[in-house]
N, C-alpha and C. Protein backbone atom coordinates (compact mmCIF):
# COMPACT_ATOMS: atom_id res chain seq x y z
N MET A 1 -14.16 -46.71 -33.99
CA MET A 1 -13.96 -46.44 -35.39
C MET A 1 -12.47 -46.28 -35.65
N PRO A 2 -11.89 -46.99 -36.60
CA PRO A 2 -10.45 -46.89 -36.85
C PRO A 2 -10.09 -45.54 -37.47
N THR A 3 -8.94 -45.05 -37.07
CA THR A 3 -8.48 -43.78 -37.62
C THR A 3 -7.43 -44.03 -38.70
N ALA A 4 -7.19 -43.02 -39.48
CA ALA A 4 -6.23 -43.16 -40.57
C ALA A 4 -4.80 -43.18 -40.06
N HIS A 5 -4.58 -42.58 -38.90
CA HIS A 5 -3.23 -42.49 -38.35
C HIS A 5 -3.13 -43.33 -37.08
N PRO A 6 -2.05 -44.08 -36.91
CA PRO A 6 -1.91 -44.86 -35.68
C PRO A 6 -1.69 -43.96 -34.47
N SER A 7 -2.11 -44.43 -33.35
CA SER A 7 -1.96 -43.68 -32.12
C SER A 7 -0.52 -43.76 -31.64
N PRO A 8 0.10 -42.63 -31.32
CA PRO A 8 1.49 -42.68 -30.86
C PRO A 8 1.63 -43.06 -29.39
N SER A 9 0.50 -43.30 -28.70
CA SER A 9 0.57 -43.57 -27.27
C SER A 9 1.22 -44.92 -26.97
N ASN A 10 1.16 -45.87 -27.90
CA ASN A 10 1.73 -47.18 -27.62
C ASN A 10 3.18 -47.29 -28.10
N LYS A 11 3.71 -46.26 -28.71
CA LYS A 11 5.09 -46.30 -29.19
C LYS A 11 5.87 -45.14 -28.58
N LEU A 12 7.12 -45.39 -28.33
CA LEU A 12 8.00 -44.32 -27.89
C LEU A 12 8.83 -43.91 -29.11
N GLU A 13 8.50 -42.77 -29.67
CA GLU A 13 9.19 -42.32 -30.86
C GLU A 13 10.05 -41.11 -30.52
N LEU A 14 11.23 -41.11 -31.06
CA LEU A 14 12.12 -39.98 -30.90
C LEU A 14 12.08 -39.18 -32.18
N PHE A 15 11.61 -37.95 -32.10
CA PHE A 15 11.49 -37.11 -33.29
C PHE A 15 12.77 -36.32 -33.46
N VAL A 16 13.42 -36.53 -34.58
CA VAL A 16 14.65 -35.82 -34.90
C VAL A 16 14.36 -34.91 -36.08
N MET A 17 14.74 -33.66 -35.95
CA MET A 17 14.53 -32.73 -37.05
C MET A 17 15.36 -33.15 -38.25
N PRO A 18 14.85 -32.95 -39.45
CA PRO A 18 15.64 -33.32 -40.63
C PRO A 18 16.86 -32.42 -40.78
N LYS A 19 17.81 -32.91 -41.52
CA LYS A 19 19.03 -32.15 -41.73
C LYS A 19 18.74 -30.88 -42.51
N MET A 20 19.48 -29.84 -42.20
CA MET A 20 19.41 -28.63 -43.01
C MET A 20 20.32 -28.84 -44.21
N LYS A 21 19.78 -28.66 -45.39
CA LYS A 21 20.56 -28.86 -46.60
C LYS A 21 20.53 -27.60 -47.44
N THR A 22 21.63 -27.35 -48.11
CA THR A 22 21.72 -26.22 -49.03
C THR A 22 21.01 -26.58 -50.32
N LYS A 23 20.17 -25.65 -50.80
CA LYS A 23 19.57 -25.83 -52.12
C LYS A 23 20.65 -25.57 -53.15
N LYS A 24 21.04 -26.61 -53.87
CA LYS A 24 22.16 -26.49 -54.79
C LYS A 24 21.87 -25.54 -55.94
N SER A 25 20.61 -25.45 -56.35
CA SER A 25 20.28 -24.50 -57.42
C SER A 25 20.49 -23.07 -56.95
N ALA A 26 20.19 -22.80 -55.68
CA ALA A 26 20.40 -21.46 -55.14
C ALA A 26 21.88 -21.19 -54.92
N ALA A 27 22.64 -22.21 -54.55
CA ALA A 27 24.07 -22.02 -54.31
C ALA A 27 24.79 -21.64 -55.59
N LYS A 28 24.27 -22.08 -56.74
CA LYS A 28 24.89 -21.73 -58.02
C LYS A 28 24.51 -20.33 -58.48
N ARG A 29 23.44 -19.77 -57.93
CA ARG A 29 22.93 -18.49 -58.40
C ARG A 29 23.30 -17.31 -57.51
N PHE A 30 23.57 -17.57 -56.23
CA PHE A 30 23.78 -16.49 -55.28
C PHE A 30 25.14 -16.63 -54.60
N VAL A 31 25.71 -15.47 -54.22
CA VAL A 31 26.95 -15.43 -53.45
C VAL A 31 26.72 -14.50 -52.28
N VAL A 32 27.06 -14.95 -51.08
CA VAL A 32 26.90 -14.11 -49.90
C VAL A 32 28.18 -13.32 -49.70
N ARG A 33 28.05 -12.01 -49.66
CA ARG A 33 29.20 -11.12 -49.48
C ARG A 33 29.59 -11.08 -48.01
N PRO A 34 30.81 -10.63 -47.71
CA PRO A 34 31.25 -10.59 -46.30
C PRO A 34 30.37 -9.73 -45.41
N GLY A 35 29.75 -8.70 -45.95
CA GLY A 35 28.89 -7.83 -45.15
C GLY A 35 27.52 -8.41 -44.88
N GLY A 36 27.19 -9.53 -45.54
CA GLY A 36 25.90 -10.16 -45.32
C GLY A 36 24.91 -9.97 -46.45
N THR A 37 25.20 -9.05 -47.38
CA THR A 37 24.31 -8.90 -48.52
C THR A 37 24.52 -10.07 -49.47
N VAL A 38 23.52 -10.34 -50.27
CA VAL A 38 23.57 -11.48 -51.19
C VAL A 38 23.63 -10.93 -52.61
N LYS A 39 24.58 -11.43 -53.37
CA LYS A 39 24.79 -10.98 -54.74
C LYS A 39 24.11 -11.94 -55.70
N ARG A 40 23.49 -11.38 -56.75
CA ARG A 40 22.82 -12.19 -57.76
C ARG A 40 23.14 -11.62 -59.13
N GLY A 41 22.96 -12.45 -60.15
CA GLY A 41 23.16 -12.01 -61.52
C GLY A 41 21.94 -11.28 -62.04
N GLN A 42 22.14 -10.51 -63.10
CA GLN A 42 21.04 -9.78 -63.71
C GLN A 42 20.22 -10.70 -64.61
N ALA A 43 18.93 -10.46 -64.68
CA ALA A 43 18.05 -11.20 -65.57
C ALA A 43 17.96 -10.48 -66.92
N PHE A 44 17.30 -11.11 -67.87
CA PHE A 44 17.02 -10.53 -69.20
C PHE A 44 18.27 -10.32 -70.03
N LYS A 45 19.29 -11.15 -69.85
CA LYS A 45 20.52 -10.99 -70.62
C LYS A 45 20.91 -12.28 -71.34
N ARG A 46 20.01 -13.26 -71.45
CA ARG A 46 20.36 -14.56 -72.00
C ARG A 46 20.06 -14.69 -73.48
N HIS A 47 18.89 -14.26 -73.90
CA HIS A 47 18.49 -14.42 -75.30
C HIS A 47 17.53 -13.31 -75.67
N ILE A 48 17.13 -13.27 -76.93
CA ILE A 48 16.29 -12.21 -77.49
C ILE A 48 16.95 -10.85 -77.21
N LEU A 49 18.21 -10.75 -77.57
CA LEU A 49 18.96 -9.52 -77.30
C LEU A 49 18.93 -8.55 -78.47
N THR A 50 18.42 -8.98 -79.62
CA THR A 50 18.46 -8.10 -80.79
C THR A 50 17.52 -6.92 -80.63
N LYS A 51 16.43 -7.09 -79.95
CA LYS A 51 15.49 -5.98 -79.77
C LYS A 51 15.86 -5.09 -78.59
N LYS A 52 16.85 -5.47 -77.83
CA LYS A 52 17.29 -4.64 -76.71
C LYS A 52 18.37 -3.68 -77.18
N THR A 53 18.34 -2.48 -76.67
CA THR A 53 19.33 -1.48 -77.07
C THR A 53 20.68 -1.79 -76.44
N THR A 54 21.72 -1.21 -77.02
CA THR A 54 23.06 -1.39 -76.47
C THR A 54 23.14 -0.84 -75.05
N LYS A 55 22.49 0.27 -74.83
CA LYS A 55 22.49 0.88 -73.49
C LYS A 55 21.81 -0.06 -72.49
N ASN A 56 20.71 -0.66 -72.90
CA ASN A 56 19.99 -1.57 -72.01
C ASN A 56 20.85 -2.78 -71.67
N LYS A 57 21.50 -3.35 -72.68
CA LYS A 57 22.36 -4.52 -72.44
C LYS A 57 23.56 -4.15 -71.58
N ARG A 58 24.08 -2.96 -71.75
CA ARG A 58 25.23 -2.52 -70.96
C ARG A 58 24.84 -2.38 -69.49
N HIS A 59 23.65 -1.88 -69.23
CA HIS A 59 23.21 -1.73 -67.85
C HIS A 59 22.87 -3.07 -67.19
N LEU A 60 22.68 -4.10 -68.00
CA LEU A 60 22.39 -5.43 -67.45
C LEU A 60 23.65 -6.21 -67.13
N ARG A 61 24.81 -5.65 -67.42
CA ARG A 61 26.06 -6.35 -67.09
C ARG A 61 26.27 -6.37 -65.58
N GLY A 62 27.11 -7.29 -65.15
CA GLY A 62 27.51 -7.32 -63.75
C GLY A 62 26.43 -7.91 -62.86
N ALA A 63 26.61 -7.73 -61.59
CA ALA A 63 25.71 -8.31 -60.59
C ALA A 63 25.09 -7.20 -59.76
N THR A 64 24.06 -7.57 -59.04
CA THR A 64 23.38 -6.64 -58.15
C THR A 64 23.01 -7.38 -56.87
N ALA A 65 22.55 -6.65 -55.89
CA ALA A 65 22.18 -7.25 -54.61
C ALA A 65 20.74 -7.74 -54.64
N VAL A 66 20.47 -8.77 -53.87
CA VAL A 66 19.11 -9.28 -53.73
C VAL A 66 18.31 -8.28 -52.92
N HIS A 67 17.07 -8.05 -53.32
CA HIS A 67 16.22 -7.08 -52.64
C HIS A 67 15.91 -7.57 -51.22
N ASP A 68 15.68 -6.62 -50.33
CA ASP A 68 15.43 -6.93 -48.92
C ASP A 68 14.21 -7.84 -48.73
N SER A 69 13.20 -7.70 -49.58
CA SER A 69 12.00 -8.52 -49.42
C SER A 69 12.25 -9.98 -49.78
N ASP A 70 13.28 -10.27 -50.58
CA ASP A 70 13.60 -11.64 -50.96
C ASP A 70 14.75 -12.22 -50.15
N LEU A 71 15.35 -11.43 -49.30
CA LEU A 71 16.57 -11.85 -48.61
C LEU A 71 16.35 -13.03 -47.67
N ASN A 72 15.24 -13.05 -46.94
CA ASN A 72 14.99 -14.16 -46.02
C ASN A 72 14.79 -15.47 -46.76
N SER A 73 14.15 -15.43 -47.91
CA SER A 73 13.95 -16.65 -48.69
C SER A 73 15.27 -17.20 -49.20
N VAL A 74 16.13 -16.31 -49.66
CA VAL A 74 17.42 -16.75 -50.19
C VAL A 74 18.30 -17.29 -49.07
N ARG A 75 18.29 -16.64 -47.93
CA ARG A 75 19.11 -17.11 -46.80
C ARG A 75 18.62 -18.45 -46.27
N ALA A 76 17.32 -18.71 -46.36
CA ALA A 76 16.80 -20.01 -45.94
C ALA A 76 17.28 -21.12 -46.88
N MET A 77 17.50 -20.78 -48.14
CA MET A 77 17.99 -21.78 -49.09
C MET A 77 19.49 -22.01 -48.96
N LEU A 78 20.18 -21.06 -48.32
CA LEU A 78 21.63 -21.15 -48.14
C LEU A 78 21.96 -21.11 -46.66
N PRO A 79 21.66 -22.17 -45.90
CA PRO A 79 21.83 -22.10 -44.44
C PRO A 79 23.28 -22.03 -43.98
N PHE A 80 24.23 -22.49 -44.79
CA PHE A 80 25.62 -22.52 -44.35
C PHE A 80 26.48 -21.47 -45.03
N ALA A 81 25.86 -20.54 -45.73
CA ALA A 81 26.63 -19.51 -46.43
C ALA A 81 26.82 -18.30 -45.56
């Protein structure tokens, strides 16, 4: 019975791992600090700001560190950072 995949026994194939590439969307959003922590921008500061208080908008200024639970995912997207 024919199979959907050809048998590799009759071919000598050299398997090369694909290149590691930086996710460009992540490179634009994150910066790796010298200590190893990853810096990110604050969310909820782009639009619909009229209903947010001045205090709330003030606290959303600046950057913050990526949480430890998300750190491995971000570092996988930035292999050369």
